[in-house]
Amino acid sequence: MTPRERQIAQLVSEGLTNKEIATRLVIAPRTAEGHVQRILTKLGFSSRAQIAAWYVSGQQVRELPIPSN
């Protein structure tokens, strides 16, 4: 996971929406949404709550390999 994705995960764990994350990091809301989607994909999660739980638990979940097509 990239440093930016970890930063996004931290903000998700704080309960921020994509729009709030975008404002905080001075990026477009769609960019924030893309980061969140990549985090979900990499970790095999389906919800922001799972990202938050992963982040606050010390980020010990191993990333899933992304298949190349």
N, C-alpha and C. Protein backbone atom coordinates (compact mmCIF):
# COMPACT_ATOMS: atom_id res chain seq x y z
N MET A 1 0.84 -1.16 0.00
CA MET A 1 0.00 0.00 0.00
C MET A 1 0.89 1.24 0.00
N THR A 2 0.49 2.22 -0.76
CA THR A 2 1.30 3.43 -0.86
C THR A 2 1.14 4.29 0.39
N PRO A 3 2.09 5.18 0.63
CA PRO A 3 1.95 6.10 1.76
C PRO A 3 0.65 6.93 1.67
N ARG A 4 0.26 7.34 0.48
CA ARG A 4 -0.96 8.12 0.31
C ARG A 4 -2.19 7.28 0.67
N GLU A 5 -2.18 6.00 0.28
CA GLU A 5 -3.30 5.12 0.62
C GLU A 5 -3.39 4.92 2.13
N ARG A 6 -2.25 4.82 2.80
CA ARG A 6 -2.27 4.71 4.26
C ARG A 6 -2.82 5.99 4.89
N GLN A 7 -2.46 7.12 4.30
CA GLN A 7 -2.99 8.40 4.78
C GLN A 7 -4.51 8.46 4.60
N ILE A 8 -4.98 8.01 3.46
CA ILE A 8 -6.43 7.97 3.20
C ILE A 8 -7.09 7.01 4.19
N ALA A 9 -6.49 5.86 4.43
CA ALA A 9 -7.05 4.90 5.39
C ALA A 9 -7.17 5.52 6.78
N GLN A 10 -6.18 6.29 7.17
CA GLN A 10 -6.25 6.96 8.46
C GLN A 10 -7.44 7.92 8.51
N LEU A 11 -7.64 8.68 7.45
CA LEU A 11 -8.75 9.63 7.42
C LEU A 11 -10.09 8.92 7.38
N VAL A 12 -10.16 7.79 6.67
CA VAL A 12 -11.38 6.98 6.68
C VAL A 12 -11.65 6.51 8.11
N SER A 13 -10.60 6.10 8.81
CA SER A 13 -10.77 5.62 10.19
C SER A 13 -11.24 6.73 11.13
N GLU A 14 -11.00 7.97 10.76
CA GLU A 14 -11.47 9.12 11.54
C GLU A 14 -12.92 9.47 11.20
N GLY A 15 -13.49 8.75 10.22
CA GLY A 15 -14.89 8.95 9.87
C GLY A 15 -15.13 9.99 8.80
N LEU A 16 -14.08 10.43 8.11
CA LEU A 16 -14.25 11.44 7.08
C LEU A 16 -14.87 10.84 5.82
N THR A 17 -15.69 11.64 5.15
CA THR A 17 -16.25 11.25 3.86
C THR A 17 -15.22 11.52 2.77
N ASN A 18 -15.48 11.03 1.56
CA ASN A 18 -14.57 11.29 0.45
C ASN A 18 -14.42 12.80 0.23
N LYS A 19 -15.51 13.53 0.33
CA LYS A 19 -15.45 14.98 0.13
C LYS A 19 -14.59 15.64 1.21
N GLU A 20 -14.75 15.20 2.45
CA GLU A 20 -13.94 15.76 3.54
C GLU A 20 -12.47 15.39 3.39
N ILE A 21 -12.20 14.17 2.95
CA ILE A 21 -10.82 13.76 2.70
C ILE A 21 -10.22 14.62 1.60
N ALA A 22 -10.98 14.84 0.54
CA ALA A 22 -10.52 15.66 -0.58
C ALA A 22 -10.18 17.07 -0.11
N THR A 23 -11.05 17.64 0.70
CA THR A 23 -10.81 18.99 1.21
C THR A 23 -9.56 19.03 2.07
N ARG A 24 -9.43 18.05 2.95
CA ARG A 24 -8.28 18.01 3.86
C ARG A 24 -6.96 17.89 3.09
N LEU A 25 -6.95 17.06 2.02
CA LEU A 25 -5.71 16.79 1.29
C LEU A 25 -5.55 17.64 0.03
N VAL A 26 -6.52 18.51 -0.22
CA VAL A 26 -6.52 19.37 -1.40
C VAL A 26 -6.40 18.53 -2.68
N ILE A 27 -7.31 17.57 -2.80
CA ILE A 27 -7.42 16.74 -3.99
C ILE A 27 -8.88 16.72 -4.41
N ALA A 28 -9.16 16.22 -5.59
CA ALA A 28 -10.53 16.12 -6.06
C ALA A 28 -11.26 15.01 -5.31
N PRO A 29 -12.57 15.19 -5.07
CA PRO A 29 -13.32 14.11 -4.42
C PRO A 29 -13.24 12.78 -5.16
N ARG A 30 -13.21 12.82 -6.50
CA ARG A 30 -13.09 11.57 -7.27
C ARG A 30 -11.74 10.91 -7.03
N THR A 31 -10.71 11.71 -6.80
CA THR A 31 -9.39 11.14 -6.50
C THR A 31 -9.43 10.43 -5.15
N ALA A 32 -10.07 11.07 -4.17
CA ALA A 32 -10.23 10.44 -2.85
C ALA A 32 -11.01 9.14 -2.98
N GLU A 33 -12.08 9.18 -3.77
CA GLU A 33 -12.90 7.98 -3.99
C GLU A 33 -12.06 6.87 -4.63
N GLY A 34 -11.23 7.22 -5.59
CA GLY A 34 -10.37 6.23 -6.23
C GLY A 34 -9.39 5.59 -5.25
N HIS A 35 -8.83 6.41 -4.37
CA HIS A 35 -7.91 5.87 -3.36
C HIS A 35 -8.64 4.88 -2.45
N VAL A 36 -9.84 5.26 -2.02
CA VAL A 36 -10.62 4.38 -1.15
C VAL A 36 -10.92 3.07 -1.87
N GLN A 37 -11.31 3.15 -3.13
CA GLN A 37 -11.62 1.94 -3.89
C GLN A 37 -10.38 1.04 -4.03
N ARG A 38 -9.22 1.64 -4.27
CA ARG A 38 -7.99 0.83 -4.38
C ARG A 38 -7.65 0.16 -3.05
N ILE A 39 -7.86 0.88 -1.95
CA ILE A 39 -7.63 0.28 -0.62
C ILE A 39 -8.55 -0.92 -0.42
N LEU A 40 -9.83 -0.74 -0.74
CA LEU A 40 -10.79 -1.84 -0.59
C LEU A 40 -10.36 -3.04 -1.42
N THR A 41 -9.94 -2.78 -2.65
CA THR A 41 -9.52 -3.87 -3.55
C THR A 41 -8.26 -4.56 -3.03
N LYS A 42 -7.27 -3.78 -2.66
CA LYS A 42 -6.00 -4.35 -2.20
C LYS A 42 -6.17 -5.21 -0.96
N LEU A 43 -7.07 -4.80 -0.08
CA LEU A 43 -7.23 -5.52 1.18
C LEU A 43 -8.36 -6.56 1.13
N GLY A 44 -9.09 -6.60 0.04
CA GLY A 44 -10.18 -7.55 -0.09
C GLY A 44 -11.37 -7.20 0.78
N PHE A 45 -11.54 -5.91 1.05
CA PHE A 45 -12.64 -5.44 1.90
C PHE A 45 -13.80 -4.96 1.05
N SER A 46 -14.96 -4.80 1.69
CA SER A 46 -16.13 -4.31 0.98
C SER A 46 -16.74 -3.07 1.62
N SER A 47 -16.14 -2.57 2.71
CA SER A 47 -16.72 -1.39 3.36
C SER A 47 -15.65 -0.51 3.97
N ARG A 48 -16.02 0.76 4.14
CA ARG A 48 -15.15 1.72 4.80
C ARG A 48 -14.92 1.32 6.26
N ALA A 49 -15.93 0.72 6.87
CA ALA A 49 -15.78 0.28 8.27
C ALA A 49 -14.65 -0.73 8.40
N GLN A 50 -14.51 -1.59 7.41
CA GLN A 50 -13.41 -2.57 7.44
C GLN A 50 -12.06 -1.87 7.33
N ILE A 51 -11.99 -0.83 6.49
CA ILE A 51 -10.75 -0.06 6.39
C ILE A 51 -10.42 0.55 7.75
N ALA A 52 -11.42 1.16 8.38
CA ALA A 52 -11.22 1.80 9.68
C ALA A 52 -10.74 0.79 10.72
N ALA A 53 -11.38 -0.37 10.77
CA ALA A 53 -11.00 -1.40 11.74
C ALA A 53 -9.58 -1.88 11.48
N TRP A 54 -9.23 -2.06 10.20
CA TRP A 54 -7.88 -2.47 9.84
C TRP A 54 -6.86 -1.43 10.29
N TYR A 55 -7.17 -0.18 10.04
CA TYR A 55 -6.22 0.88 10.38
C TYR A 55 -6.00 0.97 11.89
N VAL A 56 -7.08 0.98 12.66
CA VAL A 56 -6.93 1.14 14.10
C VAL A 56 -6.35 -0.11 14.77
N SER A 57 -6.43 -1.26 14.10
CA SER A 57 -5.87 -2.48 14.68
C SER A 57 -4.37 -2.61 14.41
N GLY A 58 -3.79 -1.64 13.77
CA GLY A 58 -2.35 -1.68 13.55
C GLY A 58 -1.95 -2.10 12.15
N GLN A 59 -2.90 -2.20 11.25
CA GLN A 59 -2.63 -2.46 9.84
C GLN A 59 -1.87 -3.77 9.61
N GLN A 60 -2.30 -4.81 10.29
CA GLN A 60 -1.61 -6.09 10.19
C GLN A 60 -2.14 -7.01 9.10
N VAL A 61 -3.24 -6.62 8.44
CA VAL A 61 -3.81 -7.46 7.39
C VAL A 61 -2.91 -7.41 6.17
N ARG A 62 -2.64 -8.54 5.61
CA ARG A 62 -1.79 -8.58 4.41
C ARG A 62 -2.61 -8.20 3.19
N GLU A 63 -1.99 -7.44 2.31
CA GLU A 63 -2.66 -7.05 1.07
C GLU A 63 -2.83 -8.25 0.17
N LEU A 64 -3.92 -8.29 -0.56
CA LEU A 64 -4.15 -9.33 -1.54
C LEU A 64 -3.45 -8.97 -2.84
N PRO A 65 -2.89 -9.93 -3.56
CA PRO A 65 -2.28 -9.60 -4.84
C PRO A 65 -3.35 -9.15 -5.83
N ILE A 66 -3.01 -8.15 -6.62
CA ILE A 66 -3.94 -7.67 -7.63
C ILE A 66 -3.66 -8.41 -8.93
N PRO A 67 -4.66 -9.12 -9.46
CA PRO A 67 -4.44 -9.88 -10.68
C PRO A 67 -4.14 -8.95 -11.86
N SER A 68 -3.24 -9.35 -12.70
CA SER A 68 -2.93 -8.56 -13.89
C SER A 68 -3.73 -9.12 -15.06
N ASN A 69 -4.39 -8.23 -15.75
CA ASN A 69 -5.23 -8.65 -16.90
C ASN A 69 -4.64 -8.13 -18.17
